[in-house]
C-alpha cells in the first residue's frame, strides 16, 4: 500500500495557485513550499478530487456536531451511548439525501472507528 503523505494544506494551495498564476514553476514551488511536484501537478489536473479516503459522509457537519454533542452530554451525565443507540439516532435524523444505509439505518461498519485510510 502506498505511503500517504500529509502536507500542509495551505502550502499545497499556495503552491498550486503560484503555479497556476505563473508566479512559480513546478520545481520552484516544490522547493519553496515543500510539496512534491507530482502533488502540485495532480491538484492542478484534478481540482475536484476529494482529499479523504472512503465514501463521502452521509451526515453534514451540522448533523455531526449535533450527534457528537449529544454523545458527550449524555456520557457526562452518566449515560454513555452504545453503537445501537448511535445507529438509531442517525436513522431518525431528517436527512433526505441519498445514502447507502438499509432503511436509512447505518450498519456496524459505520460505527467502527478507523485510524487510517
C-alpha atoms as a PDB file:
ATOM      1  CA  UNK A   1       0.000   0.000   0.000  1.00  0.00           C
ATOM      2  CA  UNK A   2       1.441   3.397  -0.919  1.00  0.00           C
ATOM      3  CA  UNK A   3       2.516   5.751   1.804  1.00  0.00           C
ATOM      4  CA  UNK A   4       0.134   8.688   2.264  1.00  0.00           C
ATOM      5  CA  UNK A   5       1.926  11.943   2.988  1.00  0.00           C
ATOM      6  CA  UNK A   6       0.234  14.656   4.989  1.00  0.00           C
ATOM      7  CA  UNK A   7       1.365  18.008   3.616  1.00  0.00           C
ATOM      8  CA  UNK A   8       0.214  21.337   4.996  1.00  0.00           C
ATOM      9  CA  UNK A   9      -2.990  22.127   3.083  1.00  0.00           C
ATOM     10  CA  UNK A  10      -2.236  25.845   2.963  1.00  0.00           C
ATOM     11  CA  UNK A  11       1.182  25.125   1.432  1.00  0.00           C
ATOM     12  CA  UNK A  12      -0.424  22.898  -1.200  1.00  0.00           C
ATOM     13  CA  UNK A  13      -2.980  25.589  -2.047  1.00  0.00           C
ATOM     14  CA  UNK A  14      -0.311  28.305  -2.261  1.00  0.00           C
ATOM     15  CA  UNK A  15       1.922  26.118  -4.438  1.00  0.00           C
ATOM     16  CA  UNK A  16      -0.965  25.321  -6.793  1.00  0.00           C
ATOM     17  CA  UNK A  17      -2.013  28.976  -7.026  1.00  0.00           C
ATOM     18  CA  UNK A  18       1.550  30.125  -7.664  1.00  0.00           C
ATOM     19  CA  UNK A  19       1.959  27.618 -10.499  1.00  0.00           C
ATOM     20  CA  UNK A  20      -1.463  28.437 -11.984  1.00  0.00           C
ATOM     21  CA  UNK A  21      -0.731  32.187 -11.803  1.00  0.00           C
ATOM     22  CA  UNK A  22       2.738  31.561 -13.269  1.00  0.00           C
ATOM     23  CA  UNK A  23       4.421  33.111 -10.232  1.00  0.00           C
ATOM     24  CA  UNK A  24       6.473  29.944  -9.691  1.00  0.00           C
ATOM     25  CA  UNK A  25       7.472  26.959 -11.799  1.00  0.00           C
ATOM     26  CA  UNK A  26       6.577  23.485 -10.567  1.00  0.00           C
ATOM     27  CA  UNK A  27      10.133  22.934  -9.375  1.00  0.00           C
ATOM     28  CA  UNK A  28      10.482  26.279  -7.585  1.00  0.00           C
ATOM     29  CA  UNK A  29       7.041  25.832  -5.925  1.00  0.00           C
ATOM     30  CA  UNK A  30       8.162  22.370  -4.803  1.00  0.00           C
ATOM     31  CA  UNK A  31      11.274  23.812  -3.173  1.00  0.00           C
ATOM     32  CA  UNK A  32       9.511  26.881  -1.740  1.00  0.00           C
ATOM     33  CA  UNK A  33       6.516  25.087  -0.160  1.00  0.00           C
ATOM     34  CA  UNK A  34       7.912  21.587   0.437  1.00  0.00           C
ATOM     35  CA  UNK A  35       5.204  19.959  -1.669  1.00  0.00           C
ATOM     36  CA  UNK A  36       6.260  17.432  -4.343  1.00  0.00           C
ATOM     37  CA  UNK A  37       5.926  18.461  -7.977  1.00  0.00           C
ATOM     38  CA  UNK A  38       3.728  15.408  -8.621  1.00  0.00           C
ATOM     39  CA  UNK A  39       1.280  16.526  -5.918  1.00  0.00           C
ATOM     40  CA  UNK A  40       1.074  20.028  -7.375  1.00  0.00           C
ATOM     41  CA  UNK A  41       0.516  18.601 -10.865  1.00  0.00           C
ATOM     42  CA  UNK A  42      -2.209  16.252  -9.616  1.00  0.00           C
ATOM     43  CA  UNK A  43      -4.026  19.039  -7.750  1.00  0.00           C
ATOM     44  CA  UNK A  44      -3.993  21.215 -10.876  1.00  0.00           C
ATOM     45  CA  UNK A  45      -5.172  18.419 -13.189  1.00  0.00           C
ATOM     46  CA  UNK A  46      -7.830  17.125 -10.754  1.00  0.00           C
ATOM     47  CA  UNK A  47      -9.174  20.120  -8.795  1.00  0.00           C
ATOM     48  CA  UNK A  48     -12.410  18.342  -7.785  1.00  0.00           C
ATOM     49  CA  UNK A  49     -10.714  15.208  -6.426  1.00  0.00           C
ATOM     50  CA  UNK A  50     -11.747  14.614  -2.811  1.00  0.00           C
ATOM     51  CA  UNK A  51      -8.982  14.574  -0.243  1.00  0.00           C
ATOM     52  CA  UNK A  52     -10.396  11.906   2.049  1.00  0.00           C
ATOM     53  CA  UNK A  53     -10.414   8.136   1.975  1.00  0.00           C
ATOM     54  CA  UNK A  54     -13.559   6.055   1.865  1.00  0.00           C
ATOM     55  CA  UNK A  55     -17.061   7.000   0.854  1.00  0.00           C
ATOM     56  CA  UNK A  56     -18.450  10.507   1.160  1.00  0.00           C
ATOM     57  CA  UNK A  57     -20.036  11.316   4.523  1.00  0.00           C
ATOM     58  CA  UNK A  58     -23.781  10.857   4.888  1.00  0.00           C
ATOM     59  CA  UNK A  59     -24.254  13.425   7.638  1.00  0.00           C
ATOM     60  CA  UNK A  60     -23.366  17.057   7.095  1.00  0.00           C
ATOM     61  CA  UNK A  61     -21.135  18.941   9.547  1.00  0.00           C
ATOM     62  CA  UNK A  62     -24.074  20.393  11.492  1.00  0.00           C
ATOM     63  CA  UNK A  63     -25.612  16.934  11.980  1.00  0.00           C
ATOM     64  CA  UNK A  64     -22.245  15.526  13.057  1.00  0.00           C
ATOM     65  CA  UNK A  65     -21.848  18.311  15.631  1.00  0.00           C
ATOM     66  CA  UNK A  66     -25.343  17.622  16.993  1.00  0.00           C
ATOM     67  CA  UNK A  67     -24.571  13.905  17.248  1.00  0.00           C
ATOM     68  CA  UNK A  68     -21.193  14.458  18.937  1.00  0.00           C
ATOM     69  CA  UNK A  69     -22.648  16.955  21.438  1.00  0.00           C
ATOM     70  CA  UNK A  70     -25.459  14.508  22.275  1.00  0.00           C
ATOM     71  CA  UNK A  71     -22.952  11.685  22.830  1.00  0.00           C
ATOM     72  CA  UNK A  72     -20.710  13.836  25.032  1.00  0.00           C
ATOM     73  CA  UNK A  73     -23.577  15.336  27.035  1.00  0.00           C
ATOM     74  CA  UNK A  74     -25.253  12.005  27.794  1.00  0.00           C
ATOM     75  CA  UNK A  75     -21.887  10.439  28.689  1.00  0.00           C
ATOM     76  CA  UNK A  76     -21.138  13.375  31.002  1.00  0.00           C
ATOM     77  CA  UNK A  77     -24.446  12.703  32.754  1.00  0.00           C
ATOM     78  CA  UNK A  78     -23.533   9.045  33.226  1.00  0.00           C
ATOM     79  CA  UNK A  79     -25.426   7.543  30.297  1.00  0.00           C
ATOM     80  CA  UNK A  80     -22.866   6.561  27.662  1.00  0.00           C
ATOM     81  CA  UNK A  81     -24.276   5.564  24.296  1.00  0.00           C
ATOM     82  CA  UNK A  82     -23.863   2.178  22.673  1.00  0.00           C
ATOM     83  CA  UNK A  83     -23.423   1.501  18.961  1.00  0.00           C
ATOM     84  CA  UNK A  84     -27.107   0.630  18.583  1.00  0.00           C
ATOM     85  CA  UNK A  85     -28.080   3.986  20.130  1.00  0.00           C
ATOM     86  CA  UNK A  86     -25.909   5.813  17.586  1.00  0.00           C
ATOM     87  CA  UNK A  87     -27.361   3.888  14.655  1.00  0.00           C
ATOM     88  CA  UNK A  88     -30.910   4.581  15.852  1.00  0.00           C
ATOM     89  CA  UNK A  89     -30.131   8.259  16.290  1.00  0.00           C
ATOM     90  CA  UNK A  90     -28.725   8.570  12.765  1.00  0.00           C
ATOM     91  CA  UNK A  91     -31.710   6.656  11.407  1.00  0.00           C
ATOM     92  CA  UNK A  92     -34.003   9.257  12.986  1.00  0.00           C
ATOM     93  CA  UNK A  93     -32.145  12.250  11.527  1.00  0.00           C
ATOM     94  CA  UNK A  94     -34.274  14.038   8.966  1.00  0.00           C
ATOM     95  CA  UNK A  95     -31.860  13.935   6.022  1.00  0.00           C
ATOM     96  CA  UNK A  96     -33.489  13.397   2.642  1.00  0.00           C
ATOM     97  CA  UNK A  97     -30.105  12.874   0.995  1.00  0.00           C
ATOM     98  CA  UNK A  98     -29.439   9.585  -0.705  1.00  0.00           C
ATOM     99  CA  UNK A  99     -27.399   7.244   1.483  1.00  0.00           C
ATOM    100  CA  UNK A 100     -26.093   3.672   1.346  1.00  0.00           C
ATOM    101  CA  UNK A 101     -27.943   2.573   4.502  1.00  0.00           C
ATOM    102  CA  UNK A 102     -30.667  -0.076   4.559  1.00  0.00           C
ATOM    103  CA  UNK A 103     -33.912   1.541   5.764  1.00  0.00           C
ATOM    104  CA  UNK A 104     -31.940   4.734   6.477  1.00  0.00           C
ATOM    105  CA  UNK A 105     -30.068   2.913   9.291  1.00  0.00           C
ATOM    106  CA  UNK A 106     -26.261   2.684   9.336  1.00  0.00           C
ATOM    107  CA  UNK A 107     -24.603  -0.687   9.738  1.00  0.00           C
ATOM    108  CA  UNK A 108     -21.924  -1.872  12.148  1.00  0.00           C
ATOM    109  CA  UNK A 109     -19.121  -0.736   9.827  1.00  0.00           C
ATOM    110  CA  UNK A 110     -20.349   2.862  10.008  1.00  0.00           C
ATOM    111  CA  UNK A 111     -19.872   2.934  13.776  1.00  0.00           C
ATOM    112  CA  UNK A 112     -16.348   1.497  13.786  1.00  0.00           C
ATOM    113  CA  UNK A 113     -13.523   3.989  14.030  1.00  0.00           C
ATOM    114  CA  UNK A 114     -10.679   3.741  11.565  1.00  0.00           C
ATOM    115  CA  UNK A 115      -7.323   5.407  12.161  1.00  0.00           C
ATOM    116  CA  UNK A 116      -6.022   5.287   8.580  1.00  0.00           C
ATOM    117  CA  UNK A 117      -7.389   5.139   5.072  1.00  0.00           C
END
